[in-house]
């Protein structure tokens, strides 16, 4: 009986293959506050986990029919490096 169980265990363990990795991309979801527009680009304020504030600015022209101060869930991809508390982003729909 022990040999049977050992053989079954070896069959199941041996049949496990390595799963292929899948790259999901570097997109993020964050709760942000709409802060209006700057040079035709949408601007958002984000309070990070360490309570520091980061301004997210779309890297292309973007207009929103939202009131300043409106909270929203933003789906975006960081674009370039953060400078002086400002991060350029590409907003996703």
C-alpha atoms as a PDB file:
ATOM      1  CA  UNK A   1       0.000   0.000   0.000  1.00  0.00           C
ATOM      2  CA  UNK A   2       2.820   2.376   0.886  1.00  0.00           C
ATOM      3  CA  UNK A   3       4.496   1.692  -2.465  1.00  0.00           C
ATOM      4  CA  UNK A   4       1.253   2.480  -4.293  1.00  0.00           C
ATOM      5  CA  UNK A   5       0.833   5.801  -2.463  1.00  0.00           C
ATOM      6  CA  UNK A   6       4.491   6.668  -3.051  1.00  0.00           C
ATOM      7  CA  UNK A   7       4.154   5.845  -6.779  1.00  0.00           C
ATOM      8  CA  UNK A   8       1.000   7.984  -7.081  1.00  0.00           C
ATOM      9  CA  UNK A   9       2.732  10.863  -5.328  1.00  0.00           C
ATOM     10  CA  UNK A  10       5.687  10.655  -7.728  1.00  0.00           C
ATOM     11  CA  UNK A  11       3.354  10.633 -10.742  1.00  0.00           C
ATOM     12  CA  UNK A  12       1.486  13.746  -9.591  1.00  0.00           C
ATOM     13  CA  UNK A  13       4.594  15.628  -8.520  1.00  0.00           C
ATOM     14  CA  UNK A  14       6.421  14.686 -11.714  1.00  0.00           C
ATOM     15  CA  UNK A  15       3.549  15.826 -13.905  1.00  0.00           C
ATOM     16  CA  UNK A  16       3.605  19.375 -12.545  1.00  0.00           C
ATOM     17  CA  UNK A  17       5.223  21.622 -15.081  1.00  0.00           C
ATOM     18  CA  UNK A  18       6.473  25.140 -14.764  1.00  0.00           C
ATOM     19  CA  UNK A  19       3.768  27.654 -15.618  1.00  0.00           C
ATOM     20  CA  UNK A  20       4.633  30.284 -18.177  1.00  0.00           C
ATOM     21  CA  UNK A  21       4.989  33.740 -16.715  1.00  0.00           C
ATOM     22  CA  UNK A  22       2.633  36.435 -17.937  1.00  0.00           C
ATOM     23  CA  UNK A  23       3.519  40.102 -17.976  1.00  0.00           C
ATOM     24  CA  UNK A  24       0.538  42.209 -16.953  1.00  0.00           C
ATOM     25  CA  UNK A  25       2.314  45.523 -17.517  1.00  0.00           C
ATOM     26  CA  UNK A  26       3.067  48.333 -15.119  1.00  0.00           C
ATOM     27  CA  UNK A  27      -0.404  49.895 -14.942  1.00  0.00           C
ATOM     28  CA  UNK A  28      -1.831  51.065 -11.637  1.00  0.00           C
ATOM     29  CA  UNK A  29      -5.176  51.836 -10.046  1.00  0.00           C
ATOM     30  CA  UNK A  30      -5.310  54.616  -7.448  1.00  0.00           C
ATOM     31  CA  UNK A  31      -7.983  56.727  -5.789  1.00  0.00           C
ATOM     32  CA  UNK A  32      -7.159  60.311  -6.769  1.00  0.00           C
ATOM     33  CA  UNK A  33      -8.660  63.793  -6.582  1.00  0.00           C
ATOM     34  CA  UNK A  34      -9.209  65.675  -9.820  1.00  0.00           C
ATOM     35  CA  UNK A  35      -7.315  68.981  -9.560  1.00  0.00           C
ATOM     36  CA  UNK A  36      -8.326  70.629 -12.845  1.00  0.00           C
ATOM     37  CA  UNK A  37      -6.165  71.031 -15.904  1.00  0.00           C
ATOM     38  CA  UNK A  38      -2.783  72.510 -16.659  1.00  0.00           C
ATOM     39  CA  UNK A  39      -1.911  73.443 -20.261  1.00  0.00           C
ATOM     40  CA  UNK A  40      -4.815  71.276 -21.476  1.00  0.00           C
ATOM     41  CA  UNK A  41      -3.624  68.229 -19.534  1.00  0.00           C
ATOM     42  CA  UNK A  42      -5.638  66.687 -16.706  1.00  0.00           C
ATOM     43  CA  UNK A  43      -4.095  66.989 -13.250  1.00  0.00           C
ATOM     44  CA  UNK A  44      -4.762  64.675 -10.286  1.00  0.00           C
ATOM     45  CA  UNK A  45      -3.610  64.647  -6.657  1.00  0.00           C
ATOM     46  CA  UNK A  46      -2.621  61.354  -5.074  1.00  0.00           C
ATOM     47  CA  UNK A  47      -1.902  60.736  -1.396  1.00  0.00           C
ATOM     48  CA  UNK A  48       0.636  57.914  -1.335  1.00  0.00           C
ATOM     49  CA  UNK A  49       0.989  55.174   1.288  1.00  0.00           C
ATOM     50  CA  UNK A  50       3.587  57.174   3.229  1.00  0.00           C
ATOM     51  CA  UNK A  51       1.180  60.185   3.302  1.00  0.00           C
ATOM     52  CA  UNK A  52       3.288  62.148   0.816  1.00  0.00           C
ATOM     53  CA  UNK A  53       1.421  63.939  -1.959  1.00  0.00           C
ATOM     54  CA  UNK A  54       2.104  63.278  -5.626  1.00  0.00           C
ATOM     55  CA  UNK A  55       0.658  65.215  -8.558  1.00  0.00           C
ATOM     56  CA  UNK A  56      -0.231  63.080 -11.561  1.00  0.00           C
ATOM     57  CA  UNK A  57      -0.264  64.943 -14.874  1.00  0.00           C
ATOM     58  CA  UNK A  58      -1.379  63.340 -18.133  1.00  0.00           C
ATOM     59  CA  UNK A  59       1.348  63.393 -20.766  1.00  0.00           C
ATOM     60  CA  UNK A  60      -1.135  64.250 -23.541  1.00  0.00           C
ATOM     61  CA  UNK A  61      -4.059  66.642 -23.854  1.00  0.00           C
ATOM     62  CA  UNK A  62      -7.035  65.359 -21.907  1.00  0.00           C
ATOM     63  CA  UNK A  63     -10.279  67.052 -20.962  1.00  0.00           C
ATOM     64  CA  UNK A  64     -12.692  65.872 -18.307  1.00  0.00           C
ATOM     65  CA  UNK A  65     -16.212  67.030 -17.515  1.00  0.00           C
ATOM     66  CA  UNK A  66     -15.610  66.661 -13.792  1.00  0.00           C
ATOM     67  CA  UNK A  67     -15.661  69.182 -10.994  1.00  0.00           C
ATOM     68  CA  UNK A  68     -12.400  70.066  -9.302  1.00  0.00           C
ATOM     69  CA  UNK A  69     -12.208  68.084  -6.056  1.00  0.00           C
ATOM     70  CA  UNK A  70     -14.048  65.065  -7.498  1.00  0.00           C
ATOM     71  CA  UNK A  71     -12.653  61.752  -6.198  1.00  0.00           C
ATOM     72  CA  UNK A  72     -12.202  58.995  -8.769  1.00  0.00           C
ATOM     73  CA  UNK A  73     -10.502  55.699  -9.419  1.00  0.00           C
ATOM     74  CA  UNK A  74      -7.739  56.332 -11.962  1.00  0.00           C
ATOM     75  CA  UNK A  75      -6.274  53.592 -14.146  1.00  0.00           C
ATOM     76  CA  UNK A  76      -2.913  54.769 -15.466  1.00  0.00           C
ATOM     77  CA  UNK A  77       0.622  53.912 -16.499  1.00  0.00           C
ATOM     78  CA  UNK A  78       3.495  55.988 -15.067  1.00  0.00           C
ATOM     79  CA  UNK A  79       5.416  57.706 -17.860  1.00  0.00           C
ATOM     80  CA  UNK A  80       8.989  58.716 -17.154  1.00  0.00           C
ATOM     81  CA  UNK A  81      10.484  59.554 -13.781  1.00  0.00           C
ATOM     82  CA  UNK A  82       8.909  61.485 -10.911  1.00  0.00           C
ATOM     83  CA  UNK A  83      10.294  65.028 -10.610  1.00  0.00           C
ATOM     84  CA  UNK A  84       9.623  67.456  -7.784  1.00  0.00           C
ATOM     85  CA  UNK A  85       6.460  65.640  -6.727  1.00  0.00           C
ATOM     86  CA  UNK A  86       5.034  65.438 -10.275  1.00  0.00           C
ATOM     87  CA  UNK A  87       4.616  62.178 -12.214  1.00  0.00           C
ATOM     88  CA  UNK A  88       3.629  62.142 -15.884  1.00  0.00           C
ATOM     89  CA  UNK A  89       1.094  59.444 -16.687  1.00  0.00           C
ATOM     90  CA  UNK A  90      -0.787  57.878 -19.567  1.00  0.00           C
ATOM     91  CA  UNK A  91      -4.402  57.510 -18.496  1.00  0.00           C
ATOM     92  CA  UNK A  92      -6.178  54.289 -19.491  1.00  0.00           C
ATOM     93  CA  UNK A  93      -9.865  53.756 -20.079  1.00  0.00           C
END
